[in-house]
Amino acid sequence: EYTGIAESYINTFGIRAVFKISDFSLRGEIAKQNGKYEVSGNKISGLGGYAFAGYTFKNCPLTPNLEIGYVYLSGDKTDTTKDEGFNPLFSRAPQWNELLIYTLIPETSAKGGPIPGYWTNMKALITKLKLNPVKDLGITLSYQHFWADEKTSITTGTYKDMFSNNGKNRGDLWAVIGNYKFNKNLDGMLQIEYFEPGNFYSDKTKSATFIRWQLQYRL
């Protein structure tokens, strides 16, 4: 007998603000979530947001732009019947980097399947420095430190040895991205990221490197 598919519902209420005056910019967003996951029966109570401040030094060589920000995405508490983990909804894709999204899969596959980029249970301090050494060349340097909002309690399954279930320090990530426009039709990109895990993960985990390069031709 077909009984139908259990339907979950998530309500998200948020506000976004952008402020810019001269060479200074400020942007931020905050969202509150409620609803219910029908499969688990847990009510939803998530919170997420970010705030970034940036400044462009137009009179300096290389025209540097410095941006510093903080990100908060709530994690699910293990001692409550609610699910406090923030649900990224449609933003399950690379955001601040491309390396860390793959480490999130073991934490979130039970919710939305093995989808890279399910951003949740996270606090992050992010700094970015953008430079323009020559015309048509842009370089972005970034340092990102990550924490978990809540500890894990994963003791079984394929990835049980990945987490310490004790610490909240996810670790440090350094990234450099170079973009160059050869002409109006051809551009290229080189991206290198290095992640050093913290005590959120077990002492068996190792550092990781992500390298990506591409050439793009447009008609």
C-alpha atoms as a PDB file:
ATOM      1  CA  GLU A   1       0.000   0.000   0.000  1.00  0.00           C
ATOM      2  CA  TYR A   2       1.369   3.403  -0.968  1.00  0.00           C
ATOM      3  CA  THR A   3       1.296   5.769   1.974  1.00  0.00           C
ATOM      4  CA  GLY A   4       2.975   8.763   0.337  1.00  0.00           C
ATOM      5  CA  ILE A   5       6.228  10.548   1.071  1.00  0.00           C
ATOM      6  CA  ALA A   6       6.739  12.266   4.390  1.00  0.00           C
ATOM      7  CA  GLU A   7       6.938  15.984   3.748  1.00  0.00           C
ATOM      8  CA  SER A   8       9.279  18.276   5.623  1.00  0.00           C
ATOM      9  CA  TYR A   9       8.762  22.010   5.737  1.00  0.00           C
ATOM     10  CA  ILE A  10      11.188  24.789   6.567  1.00  0.00           C
ATOM     11  CA  ASN A  11      10.302  28.428   7.078  1.00  0.00           C
ATOM     12  CA  THR A  12      13.163  30.876   6.767  1.00  0.00           C
ATOM     13  CA  PHE A  13      12.851  34.527   7.733  1.00  0.00           C
ATOM     14  CA  GLY A  14      15.802  36.791   7.104  1.00  0.00           C
ATOM     15  CA  ILE A  15      17.123  40.231   6.382  1.00  0.00           C
ATOM     16  CA  ARG A  16      20.094  41.409   4.334  1.00  0.00           C
ATOM     17  CA  ALA A  17      21.760  44.810   4.411  1.00  0.00           C
ATOM     18  CA  VAL A  18      24.526  46.396   2.321  1.00  0.00           C
ATOM     19  CA  PHE A  19      26.202  49.696   3.158  1.00  0.00           C
ATOM     20  CA  LYS A  20      28.851  51.432   1.071  1.00  0.00           C
ATOM     21  CA  ILE A  21      30.442  54.836   1.374  1.00  0.00           C
ATOM     22  CA  SER A  22      33.494  55.847  -0.626  1.00  0.00           C
ATOM     23  CA  ASP A  23      36.059  53.016  -0.319  1.00  0.00           C
ATOM     24  CA  PHE A  24      34.414  51.338   2.697  1.00  0.00           C
ATOM     25  CA  SER A  25      31.762  48.618   2.469  1.00  0.00           C
ATOM     26  CA  LEU A  26      29.719  46.680   5.001  1.00  0.00           C
ATOM     27  CA  ARG A  27      27.369  43.791   4.293  1.00  0.00           C
ATOM     28  CA  GLY A  28      25.499  41.348   6.457  1.00  0.00           C
ATOM     29  CA  GLU A  29      22.660  38.879   6.591  1.00  0.00           C
ATOM     30  CA  ILE A  30      20.800  36.954   9.284  1.00  0.00           C
ATOM     31  CA  ALA A  31      18.154  34.251   8.958  1.00  0.00           C
ATOM     32  CA  LYS A  32      15.992  32.353  11.440  1.00  0.00           C
ATOM     33  CA  GLN A  33      14.496  28.963  10.590  1.00  0.00           C
ATOM     34  CA  ASN A  34      11.645  26.893  11.952  1.00  0.00           C
ATOM     35  CA  GLY A  35       9.591  23.962  10.722  1.00  0.00           C
ATOM     36  CA  LYS A  36       9.723  20.191  11.006  1.00  0.00           C
ATOM     37  CA  TYR A  37      11.554  17.205   9.542  1.00  0.00           C
ATOM     38  CA  GLU A  38       8.844  14.581   9.096  1.00  0.00           C
ATOM     39  CA  VAL A  39      11.189  11.590   8.787  1.00  0.00           C
ATOM     40  CA  SER A  40      12.825  12.187  12.167  1.00  0.00           C
ATOM     41  CA  GLY A  41       9.925  14.068  13.671  1.00  0.00           C
ATOM     42  CA  ASN A  42      12.262  16.791  14.934  1.00  0.00           C
ATOM     43  CA  LYS A  43      11.165  20.391  14.986  1.00  0.00           C
ATOM     44  CA  ILE A  44      13.560  22.871  13.371  1.00  0.00           C
ATOM     45  CA  SER A  45      15.140  25.823  15.147  1.00  0.00           C
ATOM     46  CA  GLY A  46      18.134  27.063  13.127  1.00  0.00           C
ATOM     47  CA  LEU A  47      19.981  30.363  12.965  1.00  0.00           C
ATOM     48  CA  GLY A  48      22.536  31.625  10.459  1.00  0.00           C
ATOM     49  CA  GLY A  49      24.193  34.852   9.442  1.00  0.00           C
ATOM     50  CA  TYR A  50      27.345  36.699   8.475  1.00  0.00           C
ATOM     51  CA  ALA A  51      28.890  40.158   8.577  1.00  0.00           C
ATOM     52  CA  PHE A  52      31.745  41.420   6.378  1.00  0.00           C
ATOM     53  CA  ALA A  53      33.570  44.755   6.325  1.00  0.00           C
ATOM     54  CA  GLY A  54      35.821  45.770   3.441  1.00  0.00           C
ATOM     55  CA  TYR A  55      38.066  48.647   2.420  1.00  0.00           C
ATOM     56  CA  THR A  56      39.792  49.429  -0.889  1.00  0.00           C
ATOM     57  CA  PHE A  57      43.118  51.271  -0.777  1.00  0.00           C
ATOM     58  CA  LYS A  58      42.846  52.998  -4.138  1.00  0.00           C
ATOM     59  CA  ASN A  59      45.944  55.155  -3.677  1.00  0.00           C
ATOM     60  CA  CYS A  60      48.227  52.223  -2.850  1.00  0.00           C
ATOM     61  CA  PRO A  61      50.181  50.081  -5.323  1.00  0.00           C
ATOM     62  CA  LEU A  62      48.287  46.970  -6.508  1.00  0.00           C
ATOM     63  CA  THR A  63      45.007  48.586  -5.377  1.00  0.00           C
ATOM     64  CA  PRO A  64      44.513  46.198  -2.437  1.00  0.00           C
ATOM     65  CA  ASN A  65      41.044  45.419  -1.131  1.00  0.00           C
ATOM     66  CA  LEU A  66      40.891  43.983   2.395  1.00  0.00           C
ATOM     67  CA  GLU A  67      37.774  42.250   3.686  1.00  0.00           C
ATOM     68  CA  ILE A  68      37.247  40.714   7.122  1.00  0.00           C
ATOM     69  CA  GLY A  69      34.148  38.835   8.177  1.00  0.00           C
ATOM     70  CA  TYR A  70      32.489  36.434  10.570  1.00  0.00           C
ATOM     71  CA  VAL A  71      30.065  33.618   9.734  1.00  0.00           C
ATOM     72  CA  TYR A  72      27.742  31.774  12.101  1.00  0.00           C
ATOM     73  CA  LEU A  73      25.655  28.700  11.215  1.00  0.00           C
ATOM     74  CA  SER A  74      24.032  26.909  14.129  1.00  0.00           C
ATOM     75  CA  GLY A  75      24.658  23.237  14.839  1.00  0.00           C
ATOM     76  CA  ASP A  76      22.315  20.549  16.103  1.00  0.00           C
ATOM     77  CA  LYS A  77      22.431  20.009  19.870  1.00  0.00           C
ATOM     78  CA  THR A  78      22.581  16.356  20.842  1.00  0.00           C
ATOM     79  CA  ASP A  79      20.733  16.809  24.158  1.00  0.00           C
ATOM     80  CA  THR A  80      17.469  18.248  22.769  1.00  0.00           C
ATOM     81  CA  THR A  81      14.566  16.900  20.722  1.00  0.00           C
ATOM     82  CA  LYS A  82      14.794  19.836  18.282  1.00  0.00           C
ATOM     83  CA  ASP A  83      17.113  20.061  15.282  1.00  0.00           C
ATOM     84  CA  GLU A  84      19.011  23.328  15.721  1.00  0.00           C
ATOM     85  CA  GLY A  85      21.281  22.752  12.718  1.00  0.00           C
ATOM     86  CA  PHE A  86      21.091  25.482  10.093  1.00  0.00           C
ATOM     87  CA  ASN A  87      19.776  24.255   6.742  1.00  0.00           C
ATOM     88  CA  PRO A  88      21.511  25.960   3.767  1.00  0.00           C
ATOM     89  CA  LEU A  89      18.420  25.358   1.599  1.00  0.00           C
ATOM     90  CA  PHE A  90      19.550  26.099  -1.977  1.00  0.00           C
ATOM     91  CA  SER A  91      23.073  27.296  -1.137  1.00  0.00           C
ATOM     92  CA  ARG A  92      24.693  23.853  -1.113  1.00  0.00           C
ATOM     93  CA  ALA A  93      27.730  24.838  -3.153  1.00  0.00           C
ATOM     94  CA  PRO A  94      31.222  26.317  -2.645  1.00  0.00           C
ATOM     95  CA  GLN A  95      30.990  29.544  -0.687  1.00  0.00           C
ATOM     96  CA  TRP A  96      34.144  30.646   1.099  1.00  0.00           C
ATOM     97  CA  ASN A  97      36.305  27.812  -0.224  1.00  0.00           C
ATOM     98  CA  GLU A  98      36.074  24.570  -2.181  1.00  0.00           C
ATOM     99  CA  LEU A  99      38.043  22.202   0.053  1.00  0.00           C
ATOM    100  CA  LEU A 100      36.043  22.203   3.270  1.00  0.00           C
ATOM    101  CA  ILE A 101      32.740  21.328   1.578  1.00  0.00           C
ATOM    102  CA  TYR A 102      33.833  17.710   1.135  1.00  0.00           C
ATOM    103  CA  THR A 103      34.577  17.272   4.838  1.00  0.00           C
ATOM    104  CA  LEU A 104      30.966  18.241   5.614  1.00  0.00           C
ATOM    105  CA  ILE A 105      29.491  15.253   3.767  1.00  0.00           C
ATOM    106  CA  PRO A 106      29.928  12.696   6.609  1.00  0.00           C
ATOM    107  CA  GLU A 107      28.258  15.126   9.034  1.00  0.00           C
ATOM    108  CA  THR A 108      25.196  15.910   6.925  1.00  0.00           C
ATOM    109  CA  SER A 109      24.538  12.958   4.590  1.00  0.00           C
ATOM    110  CA  ALA A 110      21.808  11.678   6.908  1.00  0.00           C
ATOM    111  CA  LYS A 111      19.858  14.903   6.359  1.00  0.00           C
ATOM    112  CA  GLY A 112      20.171  15.810   2.711  1.00  0.00           C
ATOM    113  CA  GLY A 113      22.148  12.964   1.214  1.00  0.00           C
ATOM    114  CA  PRO A 114      25.856  13.050   0.276  1.00  0.00           C
ATOM    115  CA  ILE A 115      25.755  16.594  -1.082  1.00  0.00           C
ATOM    116  CA  PRO A 116      28.967  18.684  -0.918  1.00  0.00           C
ATOM    117  CA  GLY A 117      28.424  22.161   0.465  1.00  0.00           C
ATOM    118  CA  TYR A 118      25.783  21.523   3.133  1.00  0.00           C
ATOM    119  CA  TRP A 119      27.027  24.444   5.226  1.00  0.00           C
ATOM    120  CA  THR A 120      25.977  24.051   8.853  1.00  0.00           C
ATOM    121  CA  ASN A 121      27.332  23.785  12.420  1.00  0.00           C
ATOM    122  CA  MET A 122      30.024  26.343  11.780  1.00  0.00           C
ATOM    123  CA  LYS A 123      31.681  29.498  12.997  1.00  0.00           C
ATOM    124  CA  ALA A 124      34.280  31.137  10.793  1.00  0.00           C
ATOM    125  CA  LEU A 125      36.639  34.086  10.815  1.00  0.00           C
ATOM    126  CA  ILE A 126      37.507  34.938   7.205  1.00  0.00           C
ATOM    127  CA  THR A 127      39.992  37.442   5.814  1.00  0.00           C
ATOM    128  CA  LYS A 128      40.569  38.167   2.131  1.00  0.00           C
ATOM    129  CA  LEU A 129      43.086  40.394   0.404  1.00  0.00           C
ATOM    130  CA  LYS A 130      42.545  41.133  -3.284  1.00  0.00           C
ATOM    131  CA  LEU A 131      45.385  42.537  -5.385  1.00  0.00           C
ATOM    132  CA  ASN A 132      45.773  43.710  -8.991  1.00  0.00           C
ATOM    133  CA  PRO A 133      49.497  43.486  -9.814  1.00  0.00           C
ATOM    134  CA  VAL A 134      48.991  44.212 -13.515  1.00  0.00           C
ATOM    135  CA  LYS A 135      46.114  44.881 -15.849  1.00  0.00           C
ATOM    136  CA  ASP A 136      43.742  41.913 -16.261  1.00  0.00           C
ATOM    137  CA  LEU A 137      45.399  39.962 -13.405  1.00  0.00           C
ATOM    138  CA  GLY A 138      43.646  39.539 -10.078  1.00  0.00           C
ATOM    139  CA  ILE A 139      45.038  37.687  -7.059  1.00  0.00           C
ATOM    140  CA  THR A 140      43.073  36.836  -3.913  1.00  0.00           C
ATOM    141  CA  LEU A 141      44.813  35.696  -0.725  1.00  0.00           C
ATOM    142  CA  SER A 142      42.690  34.318   2.090  1.00  0.00           C
ATOM    143  CA  TYR A 143      43.063  32.989   5.621  1.00  0.00           C
ATOM    144  CA  GLN A 144      40.063  31.236   7.171  1.00  0.00           C
ATOM    145  CA  HIS A 145      39.715  29.777  10.663  1.00  0.00           C
ATOM    146  CA  PHE A 146      36.774  27.487  11.392  1.00  0.00           C
ATOM    147  CA  TRP A 147      35.070  26.253  14.538  1.00  0.00           C
ATOM    148  CA  ALA A 148      32.063  23.985  15.034  1.00  0.00           C
ATOM    149  CA  ASP A 149      29.061  25.347  16.899  1.00  0.00           C
ATOM    150  CA  GLU A 150      28.370  21.896  18.385  1.00  0.00           C
ATOM    151  CA  LYS A 151      30.488  18.770  18.895  1.00  0.00           C
ATOM    152  CA  THR A 152      29.764  15.628  16.905  1.00  0.00           C
ATOM    153  CA  SER A 153      28.626  12.301  18.346  1.00  0.00           C
ATOM    154  CA  ILE A 154      29.521  10.028  15.435  1.00  0.00           C
ATOM    155  CA  THR A 155      30.720   6.680  16.801  1.00  0.00           C
ATOM    156  CA  THR A 156      29.607   4.252  14.091  1.00  0.00           C
ATOM    157  CA  GLY A 157      29.739   4.032  10.323  1.00  0.00           C
ATOM    158  CA  THR A 158      32.377   4.559   7.663  1.00  0.00           C
ATOM    159  CA  TYR A 159      33.572   7.924   8.984  1.00  0.00           C
ATOM    160  CA  LYS A 160      33.557   7.199  12.729  1.00  0.00           C
ATOM    161  CA  ASP A 161      37.363   7.601  12.929  1.00  0.00           C
ATOM    162  CA  MET A 162      37.225  11.025  11.296  1.00  0.00           C
ATOM    163  CA  PHE A 163      35.865  12.946  14.300  1.00  0.00           C
ATOM    164  CA  SER A 164      37.115  13.370  17.850  1.00  0.00           C
ATOM    165  CA  ASN A 165      33.558  13.947  19.206  1.00  0.00           C
ATOM    166  CA  ASN A 166      35.253  16.216  21.729  1.00  0.00           C
ATOM    167  CA  GLY A 167      36.716  19.394  20.212  1.00  0.00           C
ATOM    168  CA  LYS A 168      35.165  22.301  18.328  1.00  0.00           C
ATOM    169  CA  ASN A 169      38.201  23.667  16.486  1.00  0.00           C
ATOM    170  CA  ARG A 170      37.735  22.670  12.832  1.00  0.00           C
ATOM    171  CA  GLY A 171      41.073  24.115  11.763  1.00  0.00           C
ATOM    172  CA  ASP A 172      42.800  26.607   9.476  1.00  0.00           C
ATOM    173  CA  LEU A 173      42.542  27.076   5.733  1.00  0.00           C
ATOM    174  CA  TRP A 174      44.807  29.150   3.479  1.00  0.00           C
ATOM    175  CA  ALA A 175      43.851  29.896  -0.104  1.00  0.00           C
ATOM    176  CA  VAL A 176      45.203  31.747  -3.130  1.00  0.00           C
ATOM    177  CA  ILE A 177      43.270  32.359  -6.344  1.00  0.00           C
ATOM    178  CA  GLY A 178      44.679  33.937  -9.478  1.00  0.00           C
ATOM    179  CA  ASN A 179      42.521  35.116 -12.375  1.00  0.00           C
ATOM    180  CA  TYR A 180      43.897  36.375 -15.678  1.00  0.00           C
ATOM    181  CA  LYS A 181      42.026  37.668 -18.726  1.00  0.00           C
ATOM    182  CA  PHE A 182      44.043  36.982 -21.871  1.00  0.00           C
ATOM    183  CA  ASN A 183      41.534  38.721 -24.149  1.00  0.00           C
ATOM    184  CA  LYS A 184      37.797  39.345 -24.374  1.00  0.00           C
ATOM    185  CA  ASN A 185      37.164  35.658 -25.134  1.00  0.00           C
ATOM    186  CA  LEU A 186      39.765  33.765 -23.089  1.00  0.00           C
ATOM    187  CA  ASP A 187      40.437  33.802 -19.344  1.00  0.00           C
ATOM    188  CA  GLY A 188      42.160  31.485 -16.906  1.00  0.00           C
ATOM    189  CA  MET A 189      42.138  30.658 -13.204  1.00  0.00           C
ATOM    190  CA  LEU A 190      44.455  28.902 -10.742  1.00  0.00           C
ATOM    191  CA  GLN A 191      43.247  28.040  -7.235  1.00  0.00           C
ATOM    192  CA  ILE A 192      45.259  26.463  -4.415  1.00  0.00           C
ATOM    193  CA  GLU A 193      43.909  25.688  -0.933  1.00  0.00           C
ATOM    194  CA  TYR A 194      45.534  24.089   2.103  1.00  0.00           C
ATOM    195  CA  PHE A 195      43.587  22.909   5.147  1.00  0.00           C
ATOM    196  CA  GLU A 196      45.079  21.928   8.496  1.00  0.00           C
ATOM    197  CA  PRO A 197      42.464  20.180  10.702  1.00  0.00           C
ATOM    198  CA  GLY A 198      41.947  21.014  14.372  1.00  0.00           C
ATOM    199  CA  ASN A 199      40.703  18.994  17.352  1.00  0.00           C
ATOM    200  CA  PHE A 200      37.172  18.765  15.930  1.00  0.00           C
ATOM    201  CA  TYR A 201      38.653  15.887  13.935  1.00  0.00           C
ATOM    202  CA  SER A 202      40.537  12.902  15.345  1.00  0.00           C
ATOM    203  CA  ASP A 203      44.317  12.879  15.593  1.00  0.00           C
ATOM    204  CA  LYS A 204      44.345  10.378  12.709  1.00  0.00           C
ATOM    205  CA  THR A 205      43.279  12.990  10.184  1.00  0.00           C
ATOM    206  CA  LYS A 206      45.837  14.663   7.932  1.00  0.00           C
ATOM    207  CA  SER A 207      46.166  18.014   6.224  1.00  0.00           C
ATOM    208  CA  ALA A 208      44.601  18.389   2.773  1.00  0.00           C
ATOM    209  CA  THR A 209      45.433  20.291  -0.394  1.00  0.00           C
ATOM    210  CA  PHE A 210      43.044  21.345  -3.158  1.00  0.00           C
ATOM    211  CA  ILE A 211      44.301  22.537  -6.562  1.00  0.00           C
ATOM    212  CA  ARG A 212      42.147  23.648  -9.455  1.00  0.00           C
ATOM    213  CA  TRP A 213      43.023  25.294 -12.755  1.00  0.00           C
ATOM    214  CA  GLN A 214      40.905  26.121 -15.755  1.00  0.00           C
ATOM    215  CA  LEU A 215      40.856  27.909 -19.088  1.00  0.00           C
ATOM    216  CA  GLN A 216      37.552  29.326 -20.271  1.00  0.00           C
ATOM    217  CA  TYR A 217      36.730  30.428 -23.785  1.00  0.00           C
ATOM    218  CA  ARG A 218      33.613  32.452 -24.485  1.00  0.00           C
ATOM    219  CA  LEU A 219      32.085  33.125 -27.868  1.00  0.00           C
END
